[in-house]
């Protein structure tokens, strides 16, 4: 798929000054949003961004503050496991 975005000339100039590669920044933002909303997996993000490894994809996502969506049950389970671990090492 080819995606074309129309940006007014004055804003394009501003964006060009703020980003080394506006197209890449837009693609990374899309990938991060799709990952956070559980639309794409980490491996799919890697492929979309044409990165060599999943670690590189994770670095991009971390830089953008994107984490996979979690349900309340998953969060509570993580908290319970953390509590149990802390109790076992005391």
N, C-alpha and C. Protein backbone atom coordinates (compact mmCIF):
# COMPACT_ATOMS: atom_id res chain seq x y z
N UNK A 1 0.85 -1.17 0.00
CA UNK A 1 0.00 0.00 0.00
C UNK A 1 0.89 1.23 0.00
N UNK A 2 0.51 2.16 -0.81
CA UNK A 2 1.19 3.45 -0.81
C UNK A 2 0.24 4.45 -0.18
N UNK A 3 0.74 5.23 0.75
CA UNK A 3 -0.06 6.21 1.46
C UNK A 3 0.49 7.59 1.14
N UNK A 4 -0.38 8.47 0.70
CA UNK A 4 0.01 9.84 0.40
C UNK A 4 -0.67 10.76 1.39
N UNK A 5 0.10 11.67 1.94
CA UNK A 5 -0.44 12.64 2.90
C UNK A 5 -0.20 14.03 2.36
N UNK A 6 -1.24 14.82 2.30
CA UNK A 6 -1.12 16.21 1.84
C UNK A 6 -0.95 17.11 3.05
N UNK A 7 0.14 17.86 3.03
CA UNK A 7 0.45 18.78 4.12
C UNK A 7 0.62 20.17 3.51
N UNK A 8 -0.05 21.16 4.08
CA UNK A 8 0.12 22.53 3.57
C UNK A 8 1.60 22.92 3.55
N UNK A 9 1.99 23.67 2.54
CA UNK A 9 3.40 24.02 2.33
C UNK A 9 4.04 24.66 3.57
N UNK A 10 3.32 25.58 4.21
CA UNK A 10 3.92 26.25 5.37
C UNK A 10 4.16 25.26 6.52
N UNK A 11 3.25 24.31 6.69
CA UNK A 11 3.44 23.31 7.75
C UNK A 11 4.50 22.29 7.35
N UNK A 12 4.59 21.97 6.08
CA UNK A 12 5.61 21.04 5.61
C UNK A 12 7.00 21.60 5.90
N UNK A 13 7.16 22.89 5.72
CA UNK A 13 8.44 23.53 6.02
C UNK A 13 8.77 23.40 7.50
N UNK A 14 7.79 23.65 8.35
CA UNK A 14 7.99 23.52 9.80
C UNK A 14 8.31 22.08 10.19
N UNK A 15 7.56 21.14 9.62
CA UNK A 15 7.81 19.73 9.93
C UNK A 15 9.18 19.30 9.43
N UNK A 16 9.57 19.78 8.27
CA UNK A 16 10.89 19.46 7.73
C UNK A 16 12.01 19.95 8.62
N UNK A 17 11.78 21.08 9.27
CA UNK A 17 12.80 21.62 10.18
C UNK A 17 12.85 20.82 11.48
N UNK A 18 11.72 20.21 11.85
CA UNK A 18 11.66 19.49 13.13
C UNK A 18 12.00 18.01 13.04
N UNK A 19 11.94 17.45 11.85
CA UNK A 19 12.21 16.03 11.67
C UNK A 19 13.20 15.82 10.54
N UNK A 20 14.13 14.92 10.75
CA UNK A 20 15.08 14.60 9.69
C UNK A 20 14.37 13.96 8.51
N UNK A 21 13.39 13.07 8.82
CA UNK A 21 12.64 12.36 7.78
C UNK A 21 11.17 12.31 8.22
N UNK A 22 10.37 13.21 7.71
CA UNK A 22 8.96 13.31 8.11
C UNK A 22 8.20 12.03 7.78
N UNK A 23 8.47 11.46 6.62
CA UNK A 23 7.79 10.22 6.24
C UNK A 23 8.07 9.09 7.20
N UNK A 24 9.34 8.96 7.59
CA UNK A 24 9.71 7.90 8.53
C UNK A 24 9.08 8.15 9.89
N UNK A 25 9.05 9.40 10.33
CA UNK A 25 8.44 9.73 11.62
C UNK A 25 6.95 9.38 11.61
N UNK A 26 6.28 9.65 10.50
CA UNK A 26 4.86 9.32 10.38
C UNK A 26 4.65 7.81 10.41
N UNK A 27 5.50 7.07 9.71
CA UNK A 27 5.38 5.61 9.67
C UNK A 27 5.63 5.01 11.06
N UNK A 28 6.63 5.52 11.77
CA UNK A 28 6.90 5.03 13.12
C UNK A 28 5.75 5.35 14.06
N UNK A 29 5.16 6.53 13.92
CA UNK A 29 4.02 6.89 14.76
C UNK A 29 2.83 5.97 14.49
N UNK A 30 2.59 5.65 13.24
CA UNK A 30 1.52 4.72 12.88
C UNK A 30 1.80 3.34 13.46
N UNK A 31 3.02 2.86 13.33
CA UNK A 31 3.39 1.55 13.87
C UNK A 31 3.22 1.52 15.39
N UNK A 32 3.64 2.57 16.06
CA UNK A 32 3.52 2.63 17.52
C UNK A 32 2.05 2.62 17.95
N UNK A 33 1.23 3.37 17.27
CA UNK A 33 -0.21 3.40 17.61
C UNK A 33 -0.85 2.04 17.36
N UNK A 34 -0.50 1.41 16.24
CA UNK A 34 -1.06 0.09 15.92
C UNK A 34 -0.61 -0.95 16.95
N UNK A 35 0.63 -0.85 17.41
CA UNK A 35 1.14 -1.78 18.41
C UNK A 35 0.43 -1.56 19.75
N UNK A 36 0.29 -0.31 20.14
CA UNK A 36 -0.36 0.00 21.42
C UNK A 36 -1.81 -0.44 21.43
N UNK A 37 -2.46 -0.41 20.28
CA UNK A 37 -3.87 -0.82 20.19
C UNK A 37 -4.02 -2.30 19.87
N UNK A 38 -2.90 -3.02 19.89
CA UNK A 38 -2.90 -4.47 19.64
C UNK A 38 -3.38 -4.83 18.24
N UNK A 39 -3.13 -3.92 17.29
CA UNK A 39 -3.47 -4.17 15.89
C UNK A 39 -2.31 -4.92 15.22
N UNK A 40 -1.08 -4.53 15.57
CA UNK A 40 0.11 -5.18 15.04
C UNK A 40 0.93 -5.78 16.17
N UNK A 41 1.56 -6.92 15.89
CA UNK A 41 2.48 -7.53 16.84
C UNK A 41 3.85 -6.87 16.71
N UNK A 42 4.74 -7.21 17.62
CA UNK A 42 6.10 -6.69 17.56
C UNK A 42 6.77 -7.11 16.25
N UNK A 43 6.57 -8.36 15.85
CA UNK A 43 7.16 -8.84 14.60
C UNK A 43 6.58 -8.09 13.40
N UNK A 44 5.31 -7.79 13.42
CA UNK A 44 4.70 -7.04 12.32
C UNK A 44 5.23 -5.61 12.27
N UNK A 45 5.45 -5.02 13.44
CA UNK A 45 6.04 -3.68 13.50
C UNK A 45 7.45 -3.73 12.90
N UNK A 46 8.21 -4.77 13.24
CA UNK A 46 9.56 -4.92 12.68
C UNK A 46 9.52 -4.96 11.15
N UNK A 47 8.58 -5.73 10.62
CA UNK A 47 8.46 -5.84 9.17
C UNK A 47 8.01 -4.52 8.55
N UNK A 48 7.03 -3.85 9.16
CA UNK A 48 6.53 -2.58 8.64
C UNK A 48 7.64 -1.54 8.57
N UNK A 49 8.47 -1.51 9.60
CA UNK A 49 9.55 -0.52 9.66
C UNK A 49 10.83 -1.01 8.99
N UNK A 50 10.79 -2.22 8.43
CA UNK A 50 11.93 -2.82 7.73
C UNK A 50 13.18 -2.83 8.60
N UNK A 51 13.02 -3.31 9.81
CA UNK A 51 14.14 -3.39 10.75
C UNK A 51 14.70 -4.81 10.75
N UNK A 52 15.95 -4.94 11.13
CA UNK A 52 16.63 -6.23 11.11
C UNK A 52 16.17 -7.17 12.22
N UNK A 53 15.84 -6.61 13.39
CA UNK A 53 15.50 -7.47 14.51
C UNK A 53 14.31 -6.92 15.29
N UNK A 54 13.72 -7.81 16.08
CA UNK A 54 12.62 -7.39 16.96
C UNK A 54 13.14 -6.44 18.03
N UNK A 55 14.42 -6.59 18.40
CA UNK A 55 15.01 -5.68 19.39
C UNK A 55 15.01 -4.25 18.88
N UNK A 56 15.34 -4.08 17.61
CA UNK A 56 15.32 -2.74 17.01
C UNK A 56 13.90 -2.17 17.02
N UNK A 57 12.93 -3.03 16.73
CA UNK A 57 11.53 -2.59 16.76
C UNK A 57 11.16 -2.16 18.17
N UNK A 58 11.59 -2.92 19.16
CA UNK A 58 11.28 -2.59 20.56
C UNK A 58 11.91 -1.26 20.95
N UNK A 59 13.11 -0.98 20.46
CA UNK A 59 13.77 0.30 20.75
C UNK A 59 12.94 1.45 20.20
N UNK A 60 12.47 1.31 18.96
CA UNK A 60 11.63 2.37 18.35
C UNK A 60 10.36 2.56 19.15
N UNK A 61 9.70 1.46 19.48
CA UNK A 61 8.44 1.55 20.23
C UNK A 61 8.66 2.15 21.61
N UNK A 62 9.74 1.77 22.27
CA UNK A 62 10.04 2.32 23.59
C UNK A 62 10.30 3.81 23.50
N UNK A 63 11.05 4.22 22.46
CA UNK A 63 11.34 5.65 22.27
C UNK A 63 10.04 6.44 22.10
N UNK A 64 9.05 5.82 21.49
CA UNK A 64 7.77 6.48 21.24
C UNK A 64 6.77 6.25 22.37
N UNK A 65 7.18 5.52 23.40
CA UNK A 65 6.30 5.28 24.54
C UNK A 65 5.14 4.34 24.24
N UNK A 66 5.34 3.43 23.31
CA UNK A 66 4.27 2.51 22.92
C UNK A 66 4.44 1.17 23.61
N UNK A 67 3.41 0.75 24.29
CA UNK A 67 3.40 -0.54 24.96
C UNK A 67 2.11 -1.24 24.56
N UNK A 68 2.15 -2.57 24.51
CA UNK A 68 0.94 -3.29 24.11
C UNK A 68 -0.18 -3.06 25.12
N UNK A 69 -1.39 -3.02 24.63
CA UNK A 69 -2.56 -2.84 25.50
C UNK A 69 -2.65 -4.01 26.46
N UNK A 70 -3.06 -3.74 27.68
CA UNK A 70 -3.23 -4.79 28.67
C UNK A 70 -4.61 -4.68 29.28
N UNK A 71 -5.19 -5.82 29.56
CA UNK A 71 -6.50 -5.82 30.23
C UNK A 71 -6.28 -5.61 31.72
N UNK A 72 -7.34 -5.27 32.42
CA UNK A 72 -7.26 -5.10 33.87
C UNK A 72 -6.83 -6.40 34.53
N UNK A 73 -7.29 -7.53 34.00
CA UNK A 73 -6.93 -8.84 34.56
C UNK A 73 -5.42 -9.09 34.42
N UNK A 74 -4.85 -8.71 33.27
CA UNK A 74 -3.41 -8.88 33.07
C UNK A 74 -2.61 -8.01 34.04
N UNK A 75 -3.05 -6.79 34.24
CA UNK A 75 -2.37 -5.88 35.15
C UNK A 75 -2.45 -6.40 36.58
N UNK A 76 -3.62 -6.85 36.99
CA UNK A 76 -3.78 -7.40 38.33
C UNK A 76 -2.94 -8.67 38.51
N UNK A 77 -2.88 -9.50 37.48
CA UNK A 77 -2.05 -10.71 37.54
C UNK A 77 -0.59 -10.36 37.69
N UNK A 78 -0.12 -9.35 36.95
CA UNK A 78 1.27 -8.90 37.08
C UNK A 78 1.54 -8.39 38.49
N UNK A 79 0.59 -7.62 39.03
CA UNK A 79 0.76 -7.09 40.39
C UNK A 79 0.80 -8.23 41.41
N UNK A 80 -0.05 -9.24 41.24
CA UNK A 80 -0.07 -10.38 42.14
C UNK A 80 1.25 -11.15 42.07
N UNK A 81 1.76 -11.40 40.88
CA UNK A 81 3.03 -12.11 40.74
C UNK A 81 4.19 -11.30 41.34
N UNK A 82 4.15 -9.99 41.16
CA UNK A 82 5.18 -9.14 41.75
C UNK A 82 5.14 -9.22 43.27
N UNK A 83 3.94 -9.17 43.83
CA UNK A 83 3.78 -9.26 45.29
C UNK A 83 4.30 -10.61 45.79
N UNK A 84 3.92 -11.68 45.10
CA UNK A 84 4.33 -13.03 45.50
C UNK A 84 5.85 -13.17 45.42
N UNK A 85 6.44 -12.58 44.40
CA UNK A 85 7.89 -12.63 44.27
C UNK A 85 8.57 -11.89 45.42
N UNK A 86 8.07 -10.69 45.71
CA UNK A 86 8.66 -9.91 46.81
C UNK A 86 8.55 -10.66 48.14
N UNK A 87 7.44 -11.34 48.35
CA UNK A 87 7.25 -12.10 49.59
C UNK A 87 8.23 -13.28 49.66
N UNK A 88 8.53 -13.88 48.52
CA UNK A 88 9.40 -15.06 48.50
C UNK A 88 10.86 -14.71 48.75
N UNK A 89 11.26 -13.47 48.49
CA UNK A 89 12.68 -13.09 48.68
C UNK A 89 12.93 -12.39 50.01
N UNK A 90 11.91 -12.21 50.79
CA UNK A 90 12.10 -11.54 52.10
C UNK A 90 12.49 -12.52 53.17
